[in-house]
Amino acid sequence: MTINIYDSTYAYLFDQDTSVECLFTDAVWAEGPVWLPDESAVIFSDVKGNKMFKWHEKGTEIFRSPSDFANGNALWTDGSLLTCQHGSRSLSHTDRQGKVSTLVDRYDGRRFNSPNDLVVKSDGTVWFTDPPYGILSNEEGYQAASEIIGCYIYCYCPQQKQTKLATFNTMRPNGLFFSPDEKTLYVADMSGVEFSDGLHHLVAFDVNGCQLSNRRTICEINPGIPDGFCVDQHGLIYCSCADGVLIITPQGKTVAKITLGKTTSNCTLGGKAQNQLFITASNCLFRVRLNTKGFQYNAFD
């Protein structure tokens, strides 16, 4: 495990003695980490293991089993937990008392494919992607035909209790995250997983209410594909790739890389100062301490 800096302007991100810590190794396919400020803990999914785990400084425990093939996780503006579930093809809501309910599982009367990842805007709207990975086989969900015949990005508006189609201009959308000013939504479009001539690109959209427009390519991810990612307070993007995390400017320049030697799925910024990068990769959960921080938890800290 190594850290490489390609642009000295960004050397400040790491101390000279910064190391990569391995916190957990017993997942089948770890995904969807999210920091819980109230508990100083990380919730993450084991999609193929059909479990969710909770890590804290004293160790790791099972959070939910079975998890209905949970994948991405995010916190709502009140600190409650939202989860993408491949099995039920839905978003679930876990309130602050631990009660689990279905938030949304259909659009225009049709079941989603398999909601994969999600992000919450400061106004409480919930944005999520819906690729087919949970219905292609029984490995990450339950094999089934698509009812929507498309892989789109949606926006759930809690005030209206409505789900809106934000854009159909994606092939296989996966991870997504807002820029700090929330004017831009970054999306991993990773159709290269299924198609030899498919994409492995990080793209961006302008945000207009509950709609997305002006799709543009930020960069092509190499090696491998973009899966999940997060953004820090300065707008730097921490994006998964075949063997680690690439650190990318909003203009698409790769300025550093954390090499883990494992296929990497996702990451989130957490810790009390929001300066710890928690990374899910293959069967593991990793942590790297940074000299930057996230920006998403101020609503309920």
Protein backbone atom coordinates (compact mmCIF):
# COMPACT_ATOMS: atom_id res chain seq x y z
CA MET A 1 0.00 0.00 0.00
CA THR A 2 1.50 3.27 -1.14
CA ILE A 3 0.66 6.96 -1.54
CA ASN A 4 1.91 8.74 -4.65
CA ILE A 5 1.71 12.49 -5.23
CA TYR A 6 1.81 13.58 -8.87
CA ASP A 7 1.40 17.32 -8.30
CA SER A 8 3.34 18.86 -5.40
CA THR A 9 0.63 21.50 -5.00
CA TYR A 10 -1.41 18.79 -3.31
CA ALA A 11 1.31 17.38 -1.08
CA TYR A 12 -0.44 19.10 1.84
CA LEU A 13 -3.10 16.37 1.78
CA PHE A 14 -0.74 13.91 3.46
CA ASP A 15 1.70 14.12 6.35
CA GLN A 16 5.11 12.59 5.72
CA ASP A 17 4.28 9.66 7.99
CA THR A 18 0.74 9.12 6.68
CA SER A 19 -0.07 5.43 6.41
CA VAL A 20 -2.94 3.28 5.16
CA GLU A 21 -4.65 1.39 7.99
CA CYS A 22 -6.55 -1.82 7.36
CA LEU A 23 -9.51 -1.88 9.77
CA PHE A 24 -11.44 -4.97 8.65
CA THR A 25 -10.89 -7.94 6.32
CA ASP A 26 -13.90 -10.25 6.61
CA ALA A 27 -16.33 -9.01 3.96
CA VAL A 28 -17.03 -10.70 0.64
CA TRP A 29 -17.49 -7.44 -1.28
CA ALA A 30 -17.42 -4.30 0.88
CA GLU A 31 -19.31 -1.22 -0.32
CA GLY A 32 -21.14 1.94 0.65
CA PRO A 33 -19.32 3.36 3.72
CA VAL A 34 -20.94 6.22 5.64
CA TRP A 35 -19.78 7.96 8.83
CA LEU A 36 -22.17 8.18 11.79
CA PRO A 37 -21.19 11.30 13.79
CA ASP A 38 -23.41 10.43 16.77
CA GLU A 39 -21.70 7.08 17.24
CA SER A 40 -18.20 7.77 15.88
CA ALA A 41 -18.69 4.75 13.67
CA VAL A 42 -18.76 3.69 10.03
CA ILE A 43 -21.63 1.72 8.54
CA PHE A 44 -20.71 -0.24 5.41
CA SER A 45 -22.32 -2.96 3.33
CA ASP A 46 -21.13 -6.40 2.32
CA VAL A 47 -23.24 -6.69 -0.81
CA LYS A 48 -22.40 -10.26 -1.79
CA GLY A 49 -22.33 -11.37 1.85
CA ASN A 50 -25.86 -9.93 2.34
CA LYS A 51 -24.79 -8.11 5.52
CA MET A 52 -24.07 -4.66 6.86
CA PHE A 53 -21.30 -3.93 9.36
CA LYS A 54 -20.59 -1.19 11.87
CA TRP A 55 -16.95 -0.32 12.57
CA HIS A 56 -15.79 1.74 15.56
CA GLU A 57 -12.48 2.08 17.35
CA LYS A 58 -13.23 -0.94 19.58
CA GLY A 59 -13.90 -3.26 16.65
CA THR A 60 -16.42 -4.29 14.01
CA GLU A 61 -19.86 -5.77 14.59
CA ILE A 62 -22.73 -6.91 12.39
CA PHE A 63 -25.20 -4.07 11.93
CA ARG A 64 -27.82 -5.95 9.89
CA SER A 65 -28.04 -9.53 8.62
CA PRO A 66 -29.55 -10.28 6.23
CA SER A 67 -29.34 -6.83 4.69
CA ASP A 68 -31.49 -7.43 1.60
CA PHE A 69 -28.27 -7.11 -0.42
CA ALA A 70 -27.66 -3.56 0.77
CA ASN A 71 -25.21 -1.43 -1.20
CA GLY A 72 -24.85 2.36 -0.89
CA ASN A 73 -25.57 4.21 2.36
CA ALA A 74 -26.02 7.89 3.19
CA LEU A 75 -27.28 10.03 6.05
CA TRP A 76 -30.39 12.14 5.69
CA THR A 77 -30.28 15.70 6.98
CA ASP A 78 -31.62 14.60 10.39
CA GLY A 79 -28.88 11.99 10.76
CA SER A 80 -31.08 8.97 9.98
CA LEU A 81 -29.78 6.28 7.62
CA LEU A 82 -30.76 5.74 3.99
CA THR A 83 -29.74 2.52 2.24
CA CYS A 84 -29.90 1.20 -1.32
CA GLN A 85 -31.19 -2.39 -1.25
CA HIS A 86 -30.74 -4.61 -4.27
CA GLY A 87 -32.99 -7.35 -2.90
CA SER A 88 -36.11 -5.20 -2.49
CA ARG A 89 -35.05 -2.88 -5.34
CA SER A 90 -35.65 0.05 -3.03
CA LEU A 91 -34.32 2.76 -0.77
CA SER A 92 -34.85 1.98 2.90
CA HIS A 93 -34.98 4.45 5.78
CA THR A 94 -33.67 3.62 9.25
CA ASP A 95 -34.84 6.28 11.71
CA ARG A 96 -32.89 7.45 14.76
CA GLN A 97 -34.65 4.81 16.87
CA GLY A 98 -33.68 1.99 14.50
CA LYS A 99 -37.04 1.43 12.80
CA VAL A 100 -36.62 0.37 9.16
CA SER A 101 -39.15 1.26 6.47
CA THR A 102 -39.27 1.54 2.68
CA LEU A 103 -38.76 5.07 1.43
CA VAL A 104 -39.33 4.44 -2.28
CA ASP A 105 -39.31 1.35 -4.54
CA ARG A 106 -41.05 2.43 -7.74
CA TYR A 107 -41.10 5.08 -10.40
CA ASP A 108 -44.31 5.63 -12.36
CA GLY A 109 -45.67 2.36 -10.99
CA ARG A 110 -42.68 0.26 -12.12
CA ARG A 111 -40.11 -1.32 -9.82
CA PHE A 112 -36.60 0.06 -9.92
CA ASN A 113 -33.78 -2.12 -11.27
CA SER A 114 -31.58 -2.14 -8.16
CA PRO A 115 -30.77 1.21 -6.52
CA ASN A 116 -27.01 1.26 -6.07
CA ASP A 117 -25.68 4.48 -4.56
CA LEU A 118 -27.16 7.69 -3.20
CA VAL A 119 -26.29 11.15 -1.93
CA VAL A 120 -28.32 13.69 0.05
CA LYS A 121 -28.45 17.37 -0.84
CA SER A 122 -28.62 19.96 1.94
CA ASP A 123 -32.30 20.61 1.13
CA GLY A 124 -33.09 16.99 2.03
CA THR A 125 -33.60 15.71 -1.50
CA VAL A 126 -32.21 12.21 -2.08
CA TRP A 127 -30.43 11.49 -5.36
CA PHE A 128 -29.74 7.91 -6.40
CA THR A 129 -28.62 5.72 -9.28
CA ASP A 130 -30.39 2.63 -10.58
CA PRO A 131 -28.14 0.27 -12.60
CA PRO A 132 -29.13 -3.40 -13.09
CA TYR A 133 -26.46 -5.19 -11.03
CA GLY A 134 -28.91 -6.55 -8.45
CA ILE A 135 -31.17 -8.16 -11.06
CA LEU A 136 -28.58 -9.59 -13.45
CA SER A 137 -28.00 -12.65 -11.23
CA ASN A 138 -28.64 -13.94 -7.73
CA GLU A 139 -25.16 -12.92 -6.56
CA GLU A 140 -26.05 -9.38 -5.50
CA GLY A 141 -29.84 -9.61 -5.38
CA TYR A 142 -32.51 -11.59 -7.20
CA GLN A 143 -32.36 -12.19 -10.93
CA ALA A 144 -35.28 -10.53 -12.69
CA ALA A 145 -36.27 -8.64 -15.79
CA SER A 146 -36.06 -4.87 -15.75
CA GLU A 147 -39.43 -3.12 -15.55
CA ILE A 148 -38.01 0.28 -16.47
CA ILE A 149 -35.70 -0.68 -19.38
CA GLY A 150 -33.16 1.97 -18.60
CA CYS A 151 -30.61 2.96 -15.97
CA TYR A 152 -31.30 6.45 -14.74
CA ILE A 153 -30.64 8.92 -11.96
CA TYR A 154 -33.57 9.85 -9.72
CA CYS A 155 -34.33 12.54 -7.17
CA TYR A 156 -36.68 11.85 -4.25
CA CYS A 157 -38.31 15.02 -2.89
CA PRO A 158 -39.44 14.42 0.72
CA GLN A 159 -41.70 17.47 0.93
CA GLN A 160 -43.79 16.23 -1.99
CA LYS A 161 -43.07 12.54 -1.36
CA GLN A 162 -42.36 12.22 -5.06
CA THR A 163 -39.59 10.58 -7.06
CA LYS A 164 -38.54 12.49 -10.15
CA LEU A 165 -36.41 11.36 -13.09
CA ALA A 166 -33.36 13.63 -12.91
CA THR A 167 -31.74 12.44 -16.15
CA PHE A 168 -31.80 9.49 -18.53
CA ASN A 169 -28.44 10.57 -20.01
CA THR A 170 -26.41 7.75 -18.45
CA MET A 171 -25.66 4.17 -19.48
CA ARG A 172 -24.66 2.54 -16.18
CA PRO A 173 -24.68 5.19 -13.44
CA ASN A 174 -23.17 4.09 -10.14
CA GLY A 175 -21.52 6.38 -7.56
CA LEU A 176 -22.55 10.02 -7.29
CA PHE A 177 -21.66 13.03 -5.16
CA PHE A 178 -22.24 16.78 -5.11
CA SER A 179 -19.65 19.51 -5.41
CA PRO A 180 -19.36 21.62 -2.22
CA ASP A 181 -21.63 24.33 -3.65
CA GLU A 182 -24.13 21.66 -4.80
CA LYS A 183 -24.30 23.20 -8.27
CA THR A 184 -22.66 20.14 -9.84
CA LEU A 185 -23.45 16.45 -9.46
CA TYR A 186 -20.60 14.07 -10.32
CA VAL A 187 -21.55 10.58 -11.51
CA ALA A 188 -19.62 7.40 -12.26
CA ASP A 189 -20.80 6.05 -15.62
CA MET A 190 -19.28 2.57 -15.79
CA SER A 191 -20.86 0.68 -18.66
CA GLY A 192 -17.42 -0.77 -19.38
CA VAL A 193 -18.25 -3.47 -16.83
CA GLU A 194 -20.75 -5.01 -19.24
CA PHE A 195 -19.75 -3.75 -22.68
CA SER A 196 -16.33 -3.98 -24.31
CA ASP A 197 -16.76 -0.54 -25.83
CA GLY A 198 -18.47 0.88 -22.73
CA LEU A 199 -17.49 3.79 -20.54
CA HIS A 200 -15.32 4.05 -17.45
CA HIS A 201 -15.77 7.74 -16.99
CA LEU A 202 -16.41 10.28 -14.29
CA VAL A 203 -18.99 12.73 -15.63
CA ALA A 204 -20.67 15.87 -14.30
CA PHE A 205 -24.09 17.50 -14.60
CA ASP A 206 -25.45 20.91 -13.73
CA VAL A 207 -28.09 20.77 -11.00
CA ASN A 208 -31.34 22.64 -11.70
CA GLY A 209 -33.93 21.91 -9.03
CA CYS A 210 -34.56 18.18 -9.31
CA GLN A 211 -33.21 18.00 -12.86
CA LEU A 212 -29.74 17.44 -14.31
CA SER A 213 -28.43 18.96 -17.52
CA ASN A 214 -25.26 19.71 -19.48
CA ARG A 215 -23.57 16.33 -19.17
CA ARG A 216 -19.81 16.54 -19.62
CA THR A 217 -16.85 14.24 -19.08
CA ILE A 218 -14.47 15.05 -16.25
CA CYS A 219 -12.01 12.23 -16.95
CA GLU A 220 -11.59 8.61 -17.94
CA ILE A 221 -10.66 6.41 -14.97
CA ASN A 222 -7.62 4.18 -15.38
CA PRO A 223 -6.91 1.52 -14.29
CA GLY A 224 -10.33 -0.06 -14.03
CA ILE A 225 -13.60 1.79 -13.58
CA PRO A 226 -15.07 4.44 -11.31
CA ASP A 227 -17.45 2.88 -8.81
CA GLY A 228 -17.99 5.13 -5.80
CA PHE A 229 -16.35 8.33 -4.65
CA CYS A 230 -16.58 11.36 -2.38
CA VAL A 231 -15.63 15.04 -2.56
CA ASP A 232 -13.78 17.15 0.02
CA GLN A 233 -14.34 20.76 1.11
CA HIS A 234 -12.03 22.07 -1.62
CA GLY A 235 -13.79 20.15 -4.39
CA LEU A 236 -11.21 17.38 -4.84
CA ILE A 237 -12.71 14.07 -5.93
CA TYR A 238 -11.59 10.80 -4.27
CA CYS A 239 -12.55 8.15 -6.81
CA SER A 240 -12.21 4.38 -6.70
CA CYS A 241 -10.32 2.52 -9.41
CA ALA A 242 -8.98 -0.99 -10.04
CA ASP A 243 -6.39 -0.90 -7.27
CA GLY A 244 -7.02 2.10 -5.05
CA VAL A 245 -8.27 5.67 -4.91
CA LEU A 246 -7.42 8.42 -7.40
CA ILE A 247 -7.51 12.03 -6.21
CA ILE A 248 -8.81 14.21 -9.03
CA THR A 249 -9.40 17.94 -9.45
CA PRO A 250 -12.79 19.20 -10.72
CA GLN A 251 -11.02 19.81 -14.05
CA GLY A 252 -10.13 16.11 -14.32
CA LYS A 253 -6.45 16.12 -13.41
CA THR A 254 -5.21 13.21 -11.27
CA VAL A 255 -2.96 14.72 -8.59
CA ALA A 256 -2.38 11.77 -6.26
CA LYS A 257 -3.17 8.10 -5.76
CA ILE A 258 -3.64 5.81 -2.78
CA THR A 259 -2.71 2.34 -4.00
CA LEU A 260 -4.26 -0.50 -2.01
CA GLY A 261 -3.59 -3.44 -4.34
CA LYS A 262 -7.28 -4.42 -4.17
CA THR A 263 -10.26 -3.64 -6.36
CA THR A 264 -11.73 -0.57 -4.72
CA SER A 265 -15.44 0.17 -4.53
CA ASN A 266 -16.13 3.33 -2.56
CA CYS A 267 -14.99 5.84 0.06
CA THR A 268 -16.28 8.49 2.43
CA LEU A 269 -14.82 11.25 4.58
CA GLY A 270 -15.57 10.94 8.28
CA GLY A 271 -14.08 11.08 11.74
CA LYS A 272 -14.78 13.80 14.28
CA ALA A 273 -12.91 16.35 12.14
CA GLN A 274 -14.18 14.78 8.87
CA ASN A 275 -10.54 14.29 7.87
CA GLN A 276 -10.42 10.50 7.75
CA LEU A 277 -10.94 8.77 4.41
CA PHE A 278 -12.67 5.41 4.91
CA ILE A 279 -12.29 3.15 1.88
CA THR A 280 -14.03 -0.11 0.99
CA ALA A 281 -11.98 -2.38 -1.26
CA SER A 282 -12.69 -6.02 -2.04
CA ASN A 283 -13.06 -7.69 1.40
CA CYS A 284 -11.61 -4.81 3.41
CA LEU A 285 -12.25 -1.48 5.09
CA PHE A 286 -9.28 0.92 5.11
CA ARG A 287 -8.58 4.32 6.66
CA VAL A 288 -6.24 7.15 5.61
CA ARG A 289 -5.94 10.37 7.62
CA LEU A 290 -5.85 13.53 5.48
CA ASN A 291 -5.20 17.24 5.89
CA THR A 292 -8.58 18.11 4.44
CA LYS A 293 -12.15 17.33 5.39
CA GLY A 294 -15.63 16.65 4.10
CA PHE A 295 -18.57 19.02 4.16
CA GLN A 296 -21.79 17.00 4.45
CA TYR A 297 -22.53 16.56 8.15
CA ASN A 298 -22.96 20.11 9.45
CA ALA A 299 -26.76 19.88 9.39
CA PHE A 300 -26.94 17.65 12.45
CA ASP A 301 -23.52 17.86 14.16
